[in-house]
Amino acid sequence: MQNKTHLRFLLALGNKKVIVTQDQQQWQAYSNGHPRDRRVSAERVYQAVLVR
């Protein structure tokens, strides 16, 4: 059995990167920024990708 994870979205703005991946039906969002950084919210990017 092979574990397949697909990159669904990558956003890089300045020093902040947001990656959204899909593993079967599970979606995950990763960010190297601080949660209080209001310029780009990883959660909002994640929600936008899911709505798409």
PDB file of N, CA and C in Angstrom:
ATOM      1  N   MET A   1       0.839  -1.186   0.000  1.00  0.00           N
ATOM      2  CA  MET A   1       0.000   0.000   0.000  1.00  0.00           C
ATOM      3  C   MET A   1       0.877   1.241   0.000  1.00  0.00           C
ATOM      4  N   GLN A   2       0.568   2.177  -0.865  1.00  0.00           N
ATOM      5  CA  GLN A   2       1.360   3.385  -0.997  1.00  0.00           C
ATOM      6  C   GLN A   2       0.626   4.572  -0.406  1.00  0.00           C
ATOM      7  N   ASN A   3       1.334   5.403   0.323  1.00  0.00           N
ATOM      8  CA  ASN A   3       0.756   6.623   0.885  1.00  0.00           C
ATOM      9  C   ASN A   3       0.993   7.762  -0.104  1.00  0.00           C
ATOM     10  N   LYS A   4      -0.074   8.319  -0.639  1.00  0.00           N
ATOM     11  CA  LYS A   4       0.055   9.392  -1.619  1.00  0.00           C
ATOM     12  C   LYS A   4      -0.482  10.691  -1.039  1.00  0.00           C
ATOM     13  N   THR A   5       0.353  11.700  -1.023  1.00  0.00           N
ATOM     14  CA  THR A   5      -0.037  13.033  -0.576  1.00  0.00           C
ATOM     15  C   THR A   5       0.152  13.970  -1.748  1.00  0.00           C
ATOM     16  N   HIS A   6      -0.865  14.763  -2.046  1.00  0.00           N
ATOM     17  CA  HIS A   6      -0.831  15.675  -3.178  1.00  0.00           C
ATOM     18  C   HIS A   6      -0.752  17.118  -2.700  1.00  0.00           C
ATOM     19  N   LEU A   7       0.155  17.881  -3.281  1.00  0.00           N
ATOM     20  CA  LEU A   7       0.236  19.306  -3.022  1.00  0.00           C
ATOM     21  C   LEU A   7      -0.914  19.967  -3.754  1.00  0.00           C
ATOM     22  N   ARG A   8      -1.781  20.664  -3.039  1.00  0.00           N
ATOM     23  CA  ARG A   8      -2.945  21.310  -3.637  1.00  0.00           C
ATOM     24  C   ARG A   8      -2.757  22.804  -3.817  1.00  0.00           C
ATOM     25  N   PHE A   9      -1.952  23.430  -2.962  1.00  0.00           N
ATOM     26  CA  PHE A   9      -1.795  24.872  -3.059  1.00  0.00           C
ATOM     27  C   PHE A   9      -0.514  25.278  -2.356  1.00  0.00           C
ATOM     28  N   LEU A  10       0.208  26.218  -2.937  1.00  0.00           N
ATOM     29  CA  LEU A  10       1.410  26.773  -2.327  1.00  0.00           C
ATOM     30  C   LEU A  10       1.363  28.281  -2.497  1.00  0.00           C
ATOM     31  N   LEU A  11       1.475  28.997  -1.399  1.00  0.00           N
ATOM     32  CA  LEU A  11       1.475  30.461  -1.429  1.00  0.00           C
ATOM     33  C   LEU A  11       2.747  30.937  -0.745  1.00  0.00           C
ATOM     34  N   ALA A  12       3.496  31.793  -1.403  1.00  0.00           N
ATOM     35  CA  ALA A  12       4.703  32.357  -0.815  1.00  0.00           C
ATOM     36  C   ALA A  12       4.671  33.866  -1.000  1.00  0.00           C
ATOM     37  N   LEU A  13       4.585  34.570   0.113  1.00  0.00           N
ATOM     38  CA  LEU A  13       4.590  36.033   0.105  1.00  0.00           C
ATOM     39  C   LEU A  13       5.681  36.515   1.044  1.00  0.00           C
ATOM     40  N   GLY A  14       6.706  37.096   0.482  1.00  0.00           N
ATOM     41  CA  GLY A  14       7.797  37.569   1.319  1.00  0.00           C
ATOM     42  C   GLY A  14       8.432  36.420   2.071  1.00  0.00           C
ATOM     43  N   ASN A  15       8.384  36.497   3.397  1.00  0.00           N
ATOM     44  CA  ASN A  15       9.004  35.484   4.237  1.00  0.00           C
ATOM     45  C   ASN A  15       8.037  34.406   4.685  1.00  0.00           C
ATOM     46  N   LYS A  16       6.754  34.516   4.314  1.00  0.00           N
ATOM     47  CA  LYS A  16       5.742  33.580   4.783  1.00  0.00           C
ATOM     48  C   LYS A  16       5.351  32.615   3.679  1.00  0.00           C
ATOM     49  N   LYS A  17       5.244  31.339   4.046  1.00  0.00           N
ATOM     50  CA  LYS A  17       4.832  30.316   3.090  1.00  0.00           C
ATOM     51  C   LYS A  17       3.679  29.526   3.681  1.00  0.00           C
ATOM     52  N   VAL A  18       2.670  29.239   2.854  1.00  0.00           N
ATOM     53  CA  VAL A  18       1.528  28.426   3.257  1.00  0.00           C
ATOM     54  C   VAL A  18       1.408  27.287   2.258  1.00  0.00           C
ATOM     55  N   ILE A  19       1.340  26.069   2.753  1.00  0.00           N
ATOM     56  CA  ILE A  19       1.211  24.882   1.913  1.00  0.00           C
ATOM     57  C   ILE A  19      -0.045  24.133   2.332  1.00  0.00           C
ATOM     58  N   VAL A  20      -0.869  23.743   1.351  1.00  0.00           N
ATOM     59  CA  VAL A  20      -2.055  22.934   1.613  1.00  0.00           C
ATOM     60  C   VAL A  20      -1.882  21.624   0.857  1.00  0.00           C
ATOM     61  N   THR A  21      -1.995  20.500   1.592  1.00  0.00           N
ATOM     62  CA  THR A  21      -1.841  19.183   0.988  1.00  0.00           C
ATOM     63  C   THR A  21      -3.107  18.358   1.195  1.00  0.00           C
ATOM     64  N   GLN A  22      -3.267  17.341   0.351  1.00  0.00           N
ATOM     65  CA  GLN A  22      -4.396  16.424   0.481  1.00  0.00           C
ATOM     66  C   GLN A  22      -3.868  15.002   0.489  1.00  0.00           C
ATOM     67  N   ASP A  23      -4.248  14.252   1.515  1.00  0.00           N
ATOM     68  CA  ASP A  23      -3.906  12.838   1.635  1.00  0.00           C
ATOM     69  C   ASP A  23      -5.217  12.082   1.675  1.00  0.00           C
ATOM     70  N   GLN A  24      -5.594  11.472   0.564  1.00  0.00           N
ATOM     71  CA  GLN A  24      -6.897  10.840   0.372  1.00  0.00           C
ATOM     72  C   GLN A  24      -7.975  11.893   0.618  1.00  0.00           C
ATOM     73  N   GLN A  25      -8.745  11.815   1.702  1.00  0.00           N
ATOM     74  CA  GLN A  25      -9.790  12.801   1.960  1.00  0.00           C
ATOM     75  C   GLN A  25      -9.409  13.795   3.048  1.00  0.00           C
ATOM     76  N   GLN A  26      -8.207  13.703   3.592  1.00  0.00           N
ATOM     77  CA  GLN A  26      -7.768  14.610   4.643  1.00  0.00           C
ATOM     78  C   GLN A  26      -6.952  15.748   4.057  1.00  0.00           C
ATOM     79  N   TRP A  27      -7.288  16.958   4.447  1.00  0.00           N
ATOM     80  CA  TRP A  27      -6.566  18.150   4.021  1.00  0.00           C
ATOM     81  C   TRP A  27      -5.759  18.675   5.192  1.00  0.00           C
ATOM     82  N   GLN A  28      -4.562  19.174   4.918  1.00  0.00           N
ATOM     83  CA  GLN A  28      -3.699  19.736   5.945  1.00  0.00           C
ATOM     84  C   GLN A  28      -3.125  21.057   5.446  1.00  0.00           C
ATOM     85  N   ALA A  29      -2.972  22.010   6.354  1.00  0.00           N
ATOM     86  CA  ALA A  29      -2.355  23.296   6.018  1.00  0.00           C
ATOM     87  C   ALA A  29      -1.137  23.498   6.918  1.00  0.00           C
ATOM     88  N   TYR A  30      -0.055  23.938   6.327  1.00  0.00           N
ATOM     89  CA  TYR A  30       1.175  24.193   7.057  1.00  0.00           C
ATOM     90  C   TYR A  30       1.639  25.604   6.745  1.00  0.00           C
ATOM     91  N   SER A  31       2.191  26.276   7.745  1.00  0.00           N
ATOM     92  CA  SER A  31       2.684  27.636   7.549  1.00  0.00           C
ATOM     93  C   SER A  31       3.912  27.852   8.420  1.00  0.00           C
ATOM     94  N   ASN A  32       4.848  28.659   7.915  1.00  0.00           N
ATOM     95  CA  ASN A  32       6.025  28.980   8.705  1.00  0.00           C
ATOM     96  C   ASN A  32       5.856  30.320   9.418  1.00  0.00           C
ATOM     97  N   GLY A  33       4.689  30.942   9.324  1.00  0.00           N
ATOM     98  CA  GLY A  33       4.449  32.235   9.952  1.00  0.00           C
ATOM     99  C   GLY A  33       3.841  32.101  11.333  1.00  0.00           C
ATOM    100  N   HIS A  34       3.790  33.196  12.038  1.00  0.00           N
ATOM    101  CA  HIS A  34       3.177  33.229  13.357  1.00  0.00           C
ATOM    102  C   HIS A  34       1.662  33.352  13.208  1.00  0.00           C
ATOM    103  N   PRO A  35       0.892  32.695  14.077  1.00  0.00           N
ATOM    104  CA  PRO A  35      -0.574  32.776  13.986  1.00  0.00           C
ATOM    105  C   PRO A  35      -1.100  34.207  14.103  1.00  0.00           C
ATOM    106  N   ARG A  36      -0.369  35.080  14.774  1.00  0.00           N
ATOM    107  CA  ARG A  36      -0.844  36.465  14.934  1.00  0.00           C
ATOM    108  C   ARG A  36      -0.507  37.353  13.741  1.00  0.00           C
ATOM    109  N   ASP A  37       0.220  36.832  12.786  1.00  0.00           N
ATOM    110  CA  ASP A  37       0.560  37.600  11.585  1.00  0.00           C
ATOM    111  C   ASP A  37      -0.691  37.766  10.733  1.00  0.00           C
ATOM    112  N   ARG A  38      -1.225  38.967  10.666  1.00  0.00           N
ATOM    113  CA  ARG A  38      -2.508  39.219  10.009  1.00  0.00           C
ATOM    114  C   ARG A  38      -2.393  39.459   8.502  1.00  0.00           C
ATOM    115  N   ARG A  39      -1.189  39.571   7.981  1.00  0.00           N
ATOM    116  CA  ARG A  39      -1.054  39.833   6.550  1.00  0.00           C
ATOM    117  C   ARG A  39      -1.590  38.672   5.719  1.00  0.00           C
ATOM    118  N   VAL A  40      -1.238  37.456   6.075  1.00  0.00           N
ATOM    119  CA  VAL A  40      -1.729  36.263   5.388  1.00  0.00           C
ATOM    120  C   VAL A  40      -2.076  35.237   6.447  1.00  0.00           C
ATOM    121  N   SER A  41      -3.324  34.839   6.503  1.00  0.00           N
ATOM    122  CA  SER A  41      -3.766  33.853   7.478  1.00  0.00           C
ATOM    123  C   SER A  41      -3.787  32.474   6.819  1.00  0.00           C
ATOM    124  N   ALA A  42      -3.054  31.535   7.383  1.00  0.00           N
ATOM    125  CA  ALA A  42      -3.018  30.170   6.836  1.00  0.00           C
ATOM    126  C   ALA A  42      -4.407  29.557   6.845  1.00  0.00           C
ATOM    127  N   GLU A  43      -5.191  29.857   7.872  1.00  0.00           N
ATOM    128  CA  GLU A  43      -6.542  29.306   7.959  1.00  0.00           C
ATOM    129  C   GLU A  43      -7.430  29.808   6.830  1.00  0.00           C
ATOM    130  N   ARG A  44      -7.306  31.086   6.472  1.00  0.00           N
ATOM    131  CA  ARG A  44      -8.133  31.640   5.392  1.00  0.00           C
ATOM    132  C   ARG A  44      -7.721  31.090   4.036  1.00  0.00           C
ATOM    133  N   VAL A  45      -6.430  30.890   3.822  1.00  0.00           N
ATOM    134  CA  VAL A  45      -5.959  30.283   2.580  1.00  0.00           C
ATOM    135  C   VAL A  45      -6.487  28.857   2.495  1.00  0.00           C
ATOM    136  N   TYR A  46      -6.419  28.131   3.598  1.00  0.00           N
ATOM    137  CA  TYR A  46      -6.900  26.748   3.670  1.00  0.00           C
ATOM    138  C   TYR A  46      -8.392  26.683   3.346  1.00  0.00           C
ATOM    139  N   GLN A  47      -9.195  27.573   3.911  1.00  0.00           N
ATOM    140  CA  GLN A  47     -10.636  27.608   3.647  1.00  0.00           C
ATOM    141  C   GLN A  47     -10.907  27.924   2.177  1.00  0.00           C
ATOM    142  N   ALA A  48     -10.157  28.853   1.613  1.00  0.00           N
ATOM    143  CA  ALA A  48     -10.359  29.216   0.203  1.00  0.00           C
ATOM    144  C   ALA A  48     -10.070  28.037  -0.726  1.00  0.00           C
ATOM    145  N   VAL A  49      -9.052  27.261  -0.406  1.00  0.00           N
ATOM    146  CA  VAL A  49      -8.723  26.098  -1.230  1.00  0.00           C
ATOM    147  C   VAL A  49      -9.819  25.053  -1.126  1.00  0.00           C
ATOM    148  N   LEU A  50     -10.370  24.854   0.063  1.00  0.00           N
ATOM    149  CA  LEU A  50     -11.440  23.873   0.249  1.00  0.00           C
ATOM    150  C   LEU A  50     -12.719  24.270  -0.481  1.00  0.00           C
ATOM    151  N   VAL A  51     -13.016  25.557  -0.549  1.00  0.00           N
ATOM    152  CA  VAL A  51     -14.231  26.028  -1.238  1.00  0.00           C
ATOM    153  C   VAL A  51     -14.094  25.835  -2.727  1.00  0.00           C
ATOM    154  N   ARG A  52     -12.902  25.997  -3.221  1.00  0.00           N
ATOM    155  CA  ARG A  52     -12.623  25.857  -4.646  1.00  0.00           C
ATOM    156  C   ARG A  52     -13.049  24.519  -5.107  1.00  0.00           C
TER     157      ARG A  52
END
